[in-house]
PDB file of N, CA and C in Angstrom:
ATOM      1  N   UNK A   1     -27.139  -5.095 -18.327  1.00  0.00           N
ATOM      2  CA  UNK A   1     -26.263  -4.231 -18.271  1.00  0.00           C
ATOM      3  C   UNK A   1     -24.930  -5.208 -17.928  1.00  0.00           C
ATOM      4  N   UNK A   2     -24.067  -4.698 -18.384  1.00  0.00           N
ATOM      5  CA  UNK A   2     -22.821  -5.506 -18.445  1.00  0.00           C
ATOM      6  C   UNK A   2     -21.840  -4.668 -17.264  1.00  0.00           C
ATOM      7  N   UNK A   3     -21.207  -5.340 -16.599  1.00  0.00           N
ATOM      8  CA  UNK A   3     -20.310  -4.974 -15.298  1.00  0.00           C
ATOM      9  C   UNK A   3     -19.139  -5.814 -15.110  1.00  0.00           C
ATOM     10  N   UNK A   4     -17.904  -4.978 -15.325  1.00  0.00           N
ATOM     11  CA  UNK A   4     -16.716  -5.585 -15.249  1.00  0.00           C
ATOM     12  C   UNK A   4     -16.231  -5.793 -13.947  1.00  0.00           C
ATOM     13  N   UNK A   5     -15.848  -6.903 -13.476  1.00  0.00           N
ATOM     14  CA  UNK A   5     -15.387  -6.959 -12.166  1.00  0.00           C
ATOM     15  C   UNK A   5     -14.114  -7.420 -11.954  1.00  0.00           C
ATOM     16  N   UNK A   6     -13.007  -6.885 -11.094  1.00  0.00           N
ATOM     17  CA  UNK A   6     -11.816  -7.144 -10.828  1.00  0.00           C
ATOM     18  C   UNK A   6     -11.943  -8.877 -10.329  1.00  0.00           C
ATOM     19  N   UNK A   7     -11.038  -9.701 -10.789  1.00  0.00           N
ATOM     20  CA  UNK A   7     -10.891 -10.734 -10.437  1.00  0.00           C
ATOM     21  C   UNK A   7     -10.713 -11.284  -8.824  1.00  0.00           C
ATOM     22  N   UNK A   8     -10.305 -10.148  -8.222  1.00  0.00           N
ATOM     23  CA  UNK A   8      -9.869 -10.328  -6.806  1.00  0.00           C
ATOM     24  C   UNK A   8     -11.373 -10.321  -6.039  1.00  0.00           C
ATOM     25  N   UNK A   9     -12.303  -9.627  -6.505  1.00  0.00           N
ATOM     26  CA  UNK A   9     -13.720  -9.307  -5.947  1.00  0.00           C
ATOM     27  C   UNK A   9     -14.353 -10.844  -5.817  1.00  0.00           C
ATOM     28  N   UNK A  10     -14.063 -11.621  -6.325  1.00  0.00           N
ATOM     29  CA  UNK A  10     -14.585 -12.972  -6.544  1.00  0.00           C
ATOM     30  C   UNK A  10     -15.156 -13.760  -5.511  1.00  0.00           C
ATOM     31  N   UNK A  11     -14.276 -13.535  -4.092  1.00  0.00           N
ATOM     32  CA  UNK A  11     -13.995 -13.858  -2.770  1.00  0.00           C
ATOM     33  C   UNK A  11     -15.634 -13.425  -2.368  1.00  0.00           C
ATOM     34  N   UNK A  12     -16.038 -12.318  -2.607  1.00  0.00           N
ATOM     35  CA  UNK A  12     -17.210 -11.518  -2.081  1.00  0.00           C
ATOM     36  C   UNK A  12     -18.414 -12.113  -2.811  1.00  0.00           C
ATOM     37  N   UNK A  13     -19.583 -12.235  -2.340  1.00  0.00           N
ATOM     38  CA  UNK A  13     -20.695 -12.479  -2.768  1.00  0.00           C
ATOM     39  C   UNK A  13     -21.499 -11.528  -3.874  1.00  0.00           C
ATOM     40  N   UNK A  14     -20.701 -10.548  -3.997  1.00  0.00           N
ATOM     41  CA  UNK A  14     -21.286  -9.221  -4.978  1.00  0.00           C
ATOM     42  C   UNK A  14     -21.863  -9.625  -6.479  1.00  0.00           C
ATOM     43  N   UNK A  15     -20.504 -10.086  -7.042  1.00  0.00           N
ATOM     44  CA  UNK A  15     -20.900 -10.858  -8.264  1.00  0.00           C
ATOM     45  C   UNK A  15     -21.833 -11.779  -8.625  1.00  0.00           C
ATOM     46  N   UNK A  16     -22.379 -12.666  -7.771  1.00  0.00           N
ATOM     47  CA  UNK A  16     -23.264 -13.479  -7.474  1.00  0.00           C
ATOM     48  C   UNK A  16     -24.608 -12.751  -7.464  1.00  0.00           C
ATOM     49  N   UNK A  17     -24.674 -11.755  -6.541  1.00  0.00           N
ATOM     50  CA  UNK A  17     -25.809 -11.130  -6.528  1.00  0.00           C
ATOM     51  C   UNK A  17     -26.242 -10.354  -7.672  1.00  0.00           C
ATOM     52  N   UNK A  18     -25.237  -9.659  -8.112  1.00  0.00           N
ATOM     53  CA  UNK A  18     -25.301  -8.994  -9.440  1.00  0.00           C
ATOM     54  C   UNK A  18     -25.890  -9.867 -10.320  1.00  0.00           C
ATOM     55  N   UNK A  19     -25.456 -11.076 -10.374  1.00  0.00           N
ATOM     56  CA  UNK A  19     -25.853 -12.073 -11.809  1.00  0.00           C
ATOM     57  C   UNK A  19     -27.322 -12.290 -11.550  1.00  0.00           C
ATOM     58  N   UNK A  20     -27.494 -12.454 -10.260  1.00  0.00           N
ATOM     59  CA  UNK A  20     -29.297 -12.896  -9.999  1.00  0.00           C
ATOM     60  C   UNK A  20     -30.151 -11.643 -10.108  1.00  0.00           C
ATOM     61  N   UNK A  21     -29.580 -10.543 -10.491  1.00  0.00           N
ATOM     62  CA  UNK A  21     -30.436  -9.363 -10.647  1.00  0.00           C
ATOM     63  C   UNK A  21     -30.341  -9.232 -11.921  1.00  0.00           C
ATOM     64  N   UNK A  22     -29.677  -9.926 -12.715  1.00  0.00           N
ATOM     65  CA  UNK A  22     -29.812  -9.914 -14.343  1.00  0.00           C
ATOM     66  C   UNK A  22     -28.605  -9.325 -15.050  1.00  0.00           C
ATOM     67  N   UNK A  23     -27.513  -8.914 -14.056  1.00  0.00           N
ATOM     68  CA  UNK A  23     -26.476  -8.104 -14.807  1.00  0.00           C
ATOM     69  C   UNK A  23     -25.644  -9.170 -15.523  1.00  0.00           C
ATOM     70  N   UNK A  24     -24.971  -8.472 -16.726  1.00  0.00           N
ATOM     71  CA  UNK A  24     -23.953  -9.676 -17.363  1.00  0.00           C
ATOM     72  C   UNK A  24     -22.776  -9.196 -16.700  1.00  0.00           C
ATOM     73  N   UNK A  25     -22.050 -10.283 -16.518  1.00  0.00           N
ATOM     74  CA  UNK A  25     -20.593 -10.131 -15.797  1.00  0.00           C
ATOM     75  C   UNK A  25     -19.549 -10.560 -16.609  1.00  0.00           C
ATOM     76  N   UNK A  26     -18.320  -9.892 -16.532  1.00  0.00           N
ATOM     77  CA  UNK A  26     -17.182  -9.971 -17.087  1.00  0.00           C
ATOM     78  C   UNK A  26     -16.247 -10.104 -15.885  1.00  0.00           C
ATOM     79  N   UNK A  27     -15.472 -10.918 -15.882  1.00  0.00           N
ATOM     80  CA  UNK A  27     -14.210 -11.029 -14.957  1.00  0.00           C
ATOM     81  C   UNK A  27     -13.067 -10.561 -15.422  1.00  0.00           C
ATOM     82  N   UNK A  28     -12.344  -9.755 -14.889  1.00  0.00           N
ATOM     83  CA  UNK A  28     -11.022  -9.270 -15.823  1.00  0.00           C
ATOM     84  C   UNK A  28     -10.147  -8.719 -14.456  1.00  0.00           C
ATOM     85  N   UNK A  29      -8.750  -8.258 -14.853  1.00  0.00           N
ATOM     86  CA  UNK A  29      -7.990  -7.802 -14.062  1.00  0.00           C
ATOM     87  C   UNK A  29      -7.939  -6.564 -14.378  1.00  0.00           C
ATOM     88  N   UNK A  30      -8.702  -5.672 -13.184  1.00  0.00           N
ATOM     89  CA  UNK A  30      -8.569  -4.110 -13.509  1.00  0.00           C
ATOM     90  C   UNK A  30      -7.435  -3.604 -12.679  1.00  0.00           C
ATOM     91  N   UNK A  31      -6.943  -2.736 -13.411  1.00  0.00           N
ATOM     92  CA  UNK A  31      -5.951  -1.838 -12.669  1.00  0.00           C
ATOM     93  C   UNK A  31      -6.378  -0.835 -11.896  1.00  0.00           C
ATOM     94  N   UNK A  32      -7.780  -0.330 -12.252  1.00  0.00           N
ATOM     95  CA  UNK A  32      -8.425   0.705 -11.019  1.00  0.00           C
ATOM     96  C   UNK A  32      -9.606   0.343 -10.975  1.00  0.00           C
ATOM     97  N   UNK A  33     -10.167   0.386  -9.722  1.00  0.00           N
ATOM     98  CA  UNK A  33     -11.181   0.114  -9.315  1.00  0.00           C
ATOM     99  C   UNK A  33     -11.816  -1.394  -9.291  1.00  0.00           C
ATOM    100  N   UNK A  34     -12.838  -1.700  -8.869  1.00  0.00           N
ATOM    101  CA  UNK A  34     -13.344  -3.092  -8.405  1.00  0.00           C
ATOM    102  C   UNK A  34     -14.249  -3.277  -9.406  1.00  0.00           C
ATOM    103  N   UNK A  35     -14.987  -2.633  -9.748  1.00  0.00           N
ATOM    104  CA  UNK A  35     -16.351  -2.787 -10.446  1.00  0.00           C
ATOM    105  C   UNK A  35     -16.449  -1.756 -11.434  1.00  0.00           C
ATOM    106  N   UNK A  36     -16.662  -1.969 -12.772  1.00  0.00           N
ATOM    107  CA  UNK A  36     -16.756  -1.014 -14.202  1.00  0.00           C
ATOM    108  C   UNK A  36     -17.982  -1.272 -14.753  1.00  0.00           C
ATOM    109  N   UNK A  37     -18.797  -0.085 -14.581  1.00  0.00           N
ATOM    110  CA  UNK A  37     -20.067  -0.283 -15.296  1.00  0.00           C
ATOM    111  C   UNK A  37     -20.421   0.490 -16.621  1.00  0.00           C
ATOM    112  N   UNK A  38     -19.633   1.306 -16.893  1.00  0.00           N
ATOM    113  CA  UNK A  38     -19.265   1.980 -18.230  1.00  0.00           C
ATOM    114  C   UNK A  38     -17.927   2.862 -18.115  1.00  0.00           C
ATOM    115  N   UNK A  39     -18.008   3.280 -19.270  1.00  0.00           N
ATOM    116  CA  UNK A  39     -16.782   4.267 -19.535  1.00  0.00           C
ATOM    117  C   UNK A  39     -16.354   5.598 -18.593  1.00  0.00           C
ATOM    118  N   UNK A  40     -17.533   5.577 -17.957  1.00  0.00           N
ATOM    119  CA  UNK A  40     -17.508   7.031 -16.983  1.00  0.00           C
ATOM    120  C   UNK A  40     -17.438   6.489 -15.637  1.00  0.00           C
ATOM    121  N   UNK A  41     -18.102   5.205 -15.520  1.00  0.00           N
ATOM    122  CA  UNK A  41     -18.452   5.067 -13.751  1.00  0.00           C
ATOM    123  C   UNK A  41     -17.859   3.638 -13.487  1.00  0.00           C
ATOM    124  N   UNK A  42     -17.025   3.772 -12.249  1.00  0.00           N
ATOM    125  CA  UNK A  42     -16.418   2.793 -11.625  1.00  0.00           C
ATOM    126  C   UNK A  42     -16.398   2.955 -10.116  1.00  0.00           C
ATOM    127  N   UNK A  43     -16.461   1.742  -9.355  1.00  0.00           N
ATOM    128  CA  UNK A  43     -16.653   1.599  -7.990  1.00  0.00           C
ATOM    129  C   UNK A  43     -15.388   0.811  -7.496  1.00  0.00           C
ATOM    130  N   UNK A  44     -15.010   1.424  -6.424  1.00  0.00           N
ATOM    131  CA  UNK A  44     -14.047   0.868  -5.346  1.00  0.00           C
ATOM    132  C   UNK A  44     -14.801   0.595  -4.082  1.00  0.00           C
ATOM    133  N   UNK A  45     -14.911  -0.859  -3.844  1.00  0.00           N
ATOM    134  CA  UNK A  45     -15.273  -1.021  -2.656  1.00  0.00           C
ATOM    135  C   UNK A  45     -14.420  -1.588  -1.642  1.00  0.00           C
ATOM    136  N   UNK A  46     -14.718  -1.208  -0.502  1.00  0.00           N
ATOM    137  CA  UNK A  46     -13.826  -1.647   0.838  1.00  0.00           C
ATOM    138  C   UNK A  46     -14.629  -1.959   1.843  1.00  0.00           C
ATOM    139  N   UNK A  47     -14.164  -3.361   2.169  1.00  0.00           N
ATOM    140  CA  UNK A  47     -14.843  -3.917   3.614  1.00  0.00           C
ATOM    141  C   UNK A  47     -14.151  -3.045   4.738  1.00  0.00           C
ATOM    142  N   UNK A  48     -15.128  -3.126   5.974  1.00  0.00           N
ATOM    143  CA  UNK A  48     -14.180  -2.669   7.145  1.00  0.00           C
ATOM    144  C   UNK A  48     -12.800  -2.892   7.362  1.00  0.00           C
ATOM    145  N   UNK A  49     -12.327  -4.201   7.100  1.00  0.00           N
ATOM    146  CA  UNK A  49     -11.008  -4.396   7.379  1.00  0.00           C
ATOM    147  C   UNK A  49     -10.225  -3.944   6.061  1.00  0.00           C
ATOM    148  N   UNK A  50     -10.712  -3.675   5.066  1.00  0.00           N
ATOM    149  CA  UNK A  50      -9.897  -3.187   3.826  1.00  0.00           C
ATOM    150  C   UNK A  50      -9.752  -1.735   4.085  1.00  0.00           C
ATOM    151  N   UNK A  51     -10.659  -1.034   4.823  1.00  0.00           N
ATOM    152  CA  UNK A  51     -10.444   0.439   4.789  1.00  0.00           C
ATOM    153  C   UNK A  51      -9.522   0.670   5.889  1.00  0.00           C
ATOM    154  N   UNK A  52      -9.473   0.030   6.925  1.00  0.00           N
ATOM    155  CA  UNK A  52      -8.327  -0.186   7.714  1.00  0.00           C
ATOM    156  C   UNK A  52      -6.854  -0.377   7.380  1.00  0.00           C
ATOM    157  N   UNK A  53      -7.021  -1.649   6.641  1.00  0.00           N
ATOM    158  CA  UNK A  53      -5.424  -2.047   6.030  1.00  0.00           C
ATOM    159  C   UNK A  53      -4.975  -1.270   5.341  1.00  0.00           C
ATOM    160  N   UNK A  54      -5.893  -0.485   4.359  1.00  0.00           N
ATOM    161  CA  UNK A  54      -5.503   0.514   3.299  1.00  0.00           C
ATOM    162  C   UNK A  54      -5.320   1.898   3.977  1.00  0.00           C
ATOM    163  N   UNK A  55      -5.963   2.406   4.547  1.00  0.00           N
ATOM    164  CA  UNK A  55      -5.813   3.644   5.479  1.00  0.00           C
ATOM    165  C   UNK A  55      -4.535   3.623   6.380  1.00  0.00           C
ATOM    166  N   UNK A  56      -4.672   2.587   7.471  1.00  0.00           N
ATOM    167  CA  UNK A  56      -3.695   2.716   8.503  1.00  0.00           C
ATOM    168  C   UNK A  56      -2.392   1.984   8.261  1.00  0.00           C
ATOM    169  N   UNK A  57      -2.376   0.850   7.601  1.00  0.00           N
ATOM    170  CA  UNK A  57      -1.102   0.039   7.551  1.00  0.00           C
ATOM    171  C   UNK A  57      -0.407   0.208   6.244  1.00  0.00           C
ATOM    172  N   UNK A  58      -1.002  -0.016   5.220  1.00  0.00           N
ATOM    173  CA  UNK A  58      -0.538   0.213   3.770  1.00  0.00           C
ATOM    174  C   UNK A  58      -0.581   1.708   2.989  1.00  0.00           C
ATOM    175  N   UNK A  59      -1.282   2.126   3.722  1.00  0.00           N
ATOM    176  CA  UNK A  59      -1.497   3.718   3.331  1.00  0.00           C
ATOM    177  C   UNK A  59      -1.453   4.288   1.870  1.00  0.00           C
ATOM    178  N   UNK A  60      -2.167   3.215   1.400  1.00  0.00           N
ATOM    179  CA  UNK A  60      -2.391   3.123  -0.227  1.00  0.00           C
ATOM    180  C   UNK A  60      -4.017   3.780  -0.581  1.00  0.00           C
ATOM    181  N   UNK A  61      -4.808   4.142   0.374  1.00  0.00           N
ATOM    182  CA  UNK A  61      -6.201   4.156   0.088  1.00  0.00           C
ATOM    183  C   UNK A  61      -6.268   5.486  -0.789  1.00  0.00           C
ATOM    184  N   UNK A  62      -5.488   6.576  -0.324  1.00  0.00           N
ATOM    185  CA  UNK A  62      -5.603   7.829  -1.134  1.00  0.00           C
ATOM    186  C   UNK A  62      -5.123   7.819  -2.653  1.00  0.00           C
ATOM    187  N   UNK A  63      -4.129   7.132  -2.930  1.00  0.00           N
ATOM    188  CA  UNK A  63      -3.603   6.756  -4.137  1.00  0.00           C
ATOM    189  C   UNK A  63      -4.688   5.994  -4.728  1.00  0.00           C
ATOM    190  N   UNK A  64      -5.095   5.244  -4.228  1.00  0.00           N
ATOM    191  CA  UNK A  64      -6.206   4.315  -5.004  1.00  0.00           C
ATOM    192  C   UNK A  64      -7.562   5.044  -5.475  1.00  0.00           C
ATOM    193  N   UNK A  65      -7.669   5.935  -4.822  1.00  0.00           N
ATOM    194  CA  UNK A  65      -9.080   6.691  -4.474  1.00  0.00           C
ATOM    195  C   UNK A  65      -8.510   7.987  -6.003  1.00  0.00           C
ATOM    196  N   UNK A  66      -7.402   8.399  -6.042  1.00  0.00           N
ATOM    197  CA  UNK A  66      -7.089   9.310  -6.816  1.00  0.00           C
ATOM    198  C   UNK A  66      -6.895   8.521  -8.329  1.00  0.00           C
ATOM    199  N   UNK A  67      -6.280   7.513  -8.332  1.00  0.00           N
ATOM    200  CA  UNK A  67      -6.403   6.825  -9.648  1.00  0.00           C
ATOM    201  C   UNK A  67      -7.617   6.530 -10.186  1.00  0.00           C
ATOM    202  N   UNK A  68      -8.443   6.378  -9.336  1.00  0.00           N
ATOM    203  CA  UNK A  68     -10.144   6.110  -9.561  1.00  0.00           C
ATOM    204  C   UNK A  68     -10.632   7.483 -10.207  1.00  0.00           C
ATOM    205  N   UNK A  69     -10.351   8.469  -9.421  1.00  0.00           N
ATOM    206  CA  UNK A  69     -10.700   9.889 -10.078  1.00  0.00           C
ATOM    207  C   UNK A  69     -10.413  10.273 -11.418  1.00  0.00           C
ATOM    208  N   UNK A  70      -8.773   9.922 -11.442  1.00  0.00           N
ATOM    209  CA  UNK A  70      -8.435  10.241 -12.789  1.00  0.00           C
ATOM    210  C   UNK A  70      -8.813   9.180 -13.839  1.00  0.00           C
ATOM    211  N   UNK A  71      -9.354   8.063 -13.682  1.00  0.00           N
ATOM    212  CA  UNK A  71      -9.740   7.490 -14.660  1.00  0.00           C
ATOM    213  C   UNK A  71     -11.304   7.203 -15.108  1.00  0.00           C
ATOM    214  N   UNK A  72     -12.073   7.561 -13.949  1.00  0.00           N
ATOM    215  CA  UNK A  72     -13.591   7.846 -14.369  1.00  0.00           C
ATOM    216  C   UNK A  72     -14.160   9.097 -14.152  1.00  0.00           C
ATOM    217  N   UNK A  73     -14.895   9.369 -14.779  1.00  0.00           N
ATOM    218  CA  UNK A  73     -15.607  10.858 -14.568  1.00  0.00           C
ATOM    219  C   UNK A  73     -16.509  10.697 -13.195  1.00  0.00           C
ATOM    220  N   UNK A  74     -16.971   9.527 -13.100  1.00  0.00           N
ATOM    221  CA  UNK A  74     -17.848   9.241 -11.816  1.00  0.00           C
ATOM    222  C   UNK A  74     -17.207   8.090 -10.992  1.00  0.00           C
ATOM    223  N   UNK A  75     -16.191   8.176 -10.303  1.00  0.00           N
ATOM    224  CA  UNK A  75     -15.931   7.504  -9.294  1.00  0.00           C
ATOM    225  C   UNK A  75     -16.509   7.267  -7.941  1.00  0.00           C
ATOM    226  N   UNK A  76     -16.644   6.121  -7.528  1.00  0.00           N
ATOM    227  CA  UNK A  76     -17.551   6.017  -6.527  1.00  0.00           C
ATOM    228  C   UNK A  76     -16.785   4.898  -5.575  1.00  0.00           C
ATOM    229  N   UNK A  77     -17.057   5.380  -4.409  1.00  0.00           N
ATOM    230  CA  UNK A  77     -16.148   4.575  -3.229  1.00  0.00           C
ATOM    231  C   UNK A  77     -17.697   4.139  -2.186  1.00  0.00           C
ATOM    232  N   UNK A  78     -17.325   2.795  -1.933  1.00  0.00           N
ATOM    233  CA  UNK A  78     -18.509   1.873  -1.315  1.00  0.00           C
ATOM    234  C   UNK A  78     -17.673   1.399  -0.072  1.00  0.00           C
ATOM    235  N   UNK A  79     -18.501   2.090   1.120  1.00  0.00           N
ATOM    236  CA  UNK A  79     -17.666   1.567   2.239  1.00  0.00           C
ATOM    237  C   UNK A  79     -18.833   0.472   2.588  1.00  0.00           C
ATOM    238  N   UNK A  80     -18.468  -0.676   3.102  1.00  0.00           N
ATOM    239  CA  UNK A  80     -19.502  -1.761   3.219  1.00  0.00           C
ATOM    240  C   UNK A  80     -19.111  -2.117   4.913  1.00  0.00           C
ATOM    241  N   UNK A  81     -19.939  -1.957   5.629  1.00  0.00           N
ATOM    242  CA  UNK A  81     -19.851  -2.426   7.070  1.00  0.00           C
ATOM    243  C   UNK A  81     -21.549  -1.951   7.695  1.00  0.00           C
ATOM    244  N   UNK A  82     -21.879  -2.820   8.584  1.00  0.00           N
ATOM    245  CA  UNK A  82     -23.142  -2.822   9.290  1.00  0.00           C
ATOM    246  C   UNK A  82     -23.199  -1.544  10.310  1.00  0.00           C
ATOM    247  N   UNK A  83     -22.423  -1.479  11.039  1.00  0.00           N
ATOM    248  CA  UNK A  83     -22.204  -0.216  12.264  1.00  0.00           C
ATOM    249  C   UNK A  83     -21.671   0.843  11.773  1.00  0.00           C
ATOM    250  N   UNK A  84     -22.124   1.919  11.768  1.00  0.00           N
ATOM    251  CA  UNK A  84     -21.343   2.907  11.690  1.00  0.00           C
ATOM    252  C   UNK A  84     -20.211   3.503  12.477  1.00  0.00           C
ATOM    253  N   UNK A  85     -20.166   2.655  13.718  1.00  0.00           N
ATOM    254  CA  UNK A  85     -19.080   2.806  14.472  1.00  0.00           C
ATOM    255  C   UNK A  85     -18.177   1.535  14.373  1.00  0.00           C
ATOM    256  N   UNK A  86     -18.179   1.385  13.180  1.00  0.00           N
ATOM    257  CA  UNK A  86     -17.134  -0.170  13.100  1.00  0.00           C
ATOM    258  C   UNK A  86     -15.890   0.027  13.501  1.00  0.00           C
ATOM    259  N   UNK A  87     -15.167   0.936  14.001  1.00  0.00           N
ATOM    260  CA  UNK A  87     -13.703   1.317  14.434  1.00  0.00           C
ATOM    261  C   UNK A  87     -14.043   1.051  15.699  1.00  0.00           C
ATOM    262  N   UNK A  88     -14.891   0.970  16.561  1.00  0.00           N
ATOM    263  CA  UNK A  88     -15.045   1.289  17.940  1.00  0.00           C
ATOM    264  C   UNK A  88     -14.021   0.019  18.684  1.00  0.00           C
ATOM    265  N   UNK A  89     -14.153  -0.977  18.005  1.00  0.00           N
ATOM    266  CA  UNK A  89     -13.015  -2.069  18.664  1.00  0.00           C
ATOM    267  C   UNK A  89     -11.809  -2.202  18.235  1.00  0.00           C
ATOM    268  N   UNK A  90     -11.441  -1.068  17.747  1.00  0.00           N
ATOM    269  CA  UNK A  90     -10.191  -0.911  17.411  1.00  0.00           C
ATOM    270  C   UNK A  90      -9.407   0.258  17.874  1.00  0.00           C
ATOM    271  N   UNK A  91      -7.874   0.234  17.935  1.00  0.00           N
ATOM    272  CA  UNK A  91      -7.586   1.233  18.729  1.00  0.00           C
ATOM    273  C   UNK A  91      -7.162   2.508  17.801  1.00  0.00           C
ATOM    274  N   UNK A  92      -8.189   3.134  17.335  1.00  0.00           N
ATOM    275  CA  UNK A  92      -8.090   4.191  16.238  1.00  0.00           C
ATOM    276  C   UNK A  92      -8.923   5.372  16.984  1.00  0.00           C
ATOM    277  N   UNK A  93      -8.651   6.499  17.093  1.00  0.00           N
ATOM    278  CA  UNK A  93      -9.154   7.570  17.560  1.00  0.00           C
ATOM    279  C   UNK A  93     -10.245   8.058  16.543  1.00  0.00           C
ATOM    280  N   UNK A  94     -11.618   8.378  17.195  1.00  0.00           N
ATOM    281  CA  UNK A  94     -12.838   8.467  16.316  1.00  0.00           C
ATOM    282  C   UNK A  94     -12.511  10.022  15.428  1.00  0.00           C
ATOM    283  N   UNK A  95     -11.676  10.767  16.131  1.00  0.00           N
ATOM    284  CA  UNK A  95     -11.511  11.975  15.137  1.00  0.00           C
ATOM    285  C   UNK A  95     -10.734  11.771  13.876  1.00  0.00           C
ATOM    286  N   UNK A  96      -9.909  10.620  13.815  1.00  0.00           N
ATOM    287  CA  UNK A  96      -9.073  10.394  12.985  1.00  0.00           C
ATOM    288  C   UNK A  96      -9.910   9.973  11.782  1.00  0.00           C
ATOM    289  N   UNK A  97     -10.922   8.860  12.154  1.00  0.00           N
ATOM    290  CA  UNK A  97     -11.867   8.377  11.092  1.00  0.00           C
ATOM    291  C   UNK A  97     -12.758   9.773  10.565  1.00  0.00           C
ATOM    292  N   UNK A  98     -13.299  10.370  11.716  1.00  0.00           N
ATOM    293  CA  UNK A  98     -14.036  11.553  11.110  1.00  0.00           C
ATOM    294  C   UNK A  98     -13.325  12.474  10.144  1.00  0.00           C
ATOM    295  N   UNK A  99     -12.063  12.723  10.519  1.00  0.00           N
ATOM    296  CA  UNK A  99     -11.346  13.537   9.712  1.00  0.00           C
ATOM    297  C   UNK A  99     -10.998  12.892   8.195  1.00  0.00           C
ATOM    298  N   UNK A 100     -11.059  11.534   8.130  1.00  0.00           N
ATOM    299  CA  UNK A 100     -10.841  10.973   6.850  1.00  0.00           C
ATOM    300  C   UNK A 100     -12.186  11.307   5.865  1.00  0.00           C
ATOM    301  N   UNK A 101     -13.397  11.057   6.403  1.00  0.00           N
ATOM    302  CA  UNK A 101     -14.381  11.097   5.798  1.00  0.00           C
ATOM    303  C   UNK A 101     -15.091  12.485   4.968  1.00  0.00           C
TER     304      UNK A 101
END
């Protein structure tokens, strides 16, 4: 399987893990999404810090997701975090996060 990965994702270990699983990796500058697996399917990956930065600080999360949905039939958002209450140490109201999802 060939996976095109945005060059900004190379700081994570995802590409390395995918390669170990046998995926063919191509690094590119993607305008939309972080990982493209076909002309129909792309992934946007957000870490805990990314989700807060794009949702609360830069307010670009919804435009990113909208672009992904317009570009691919099967857009997928991956929220990466260990604790479902990852926002508990931040000054964010629980209801604001629940309303987002």
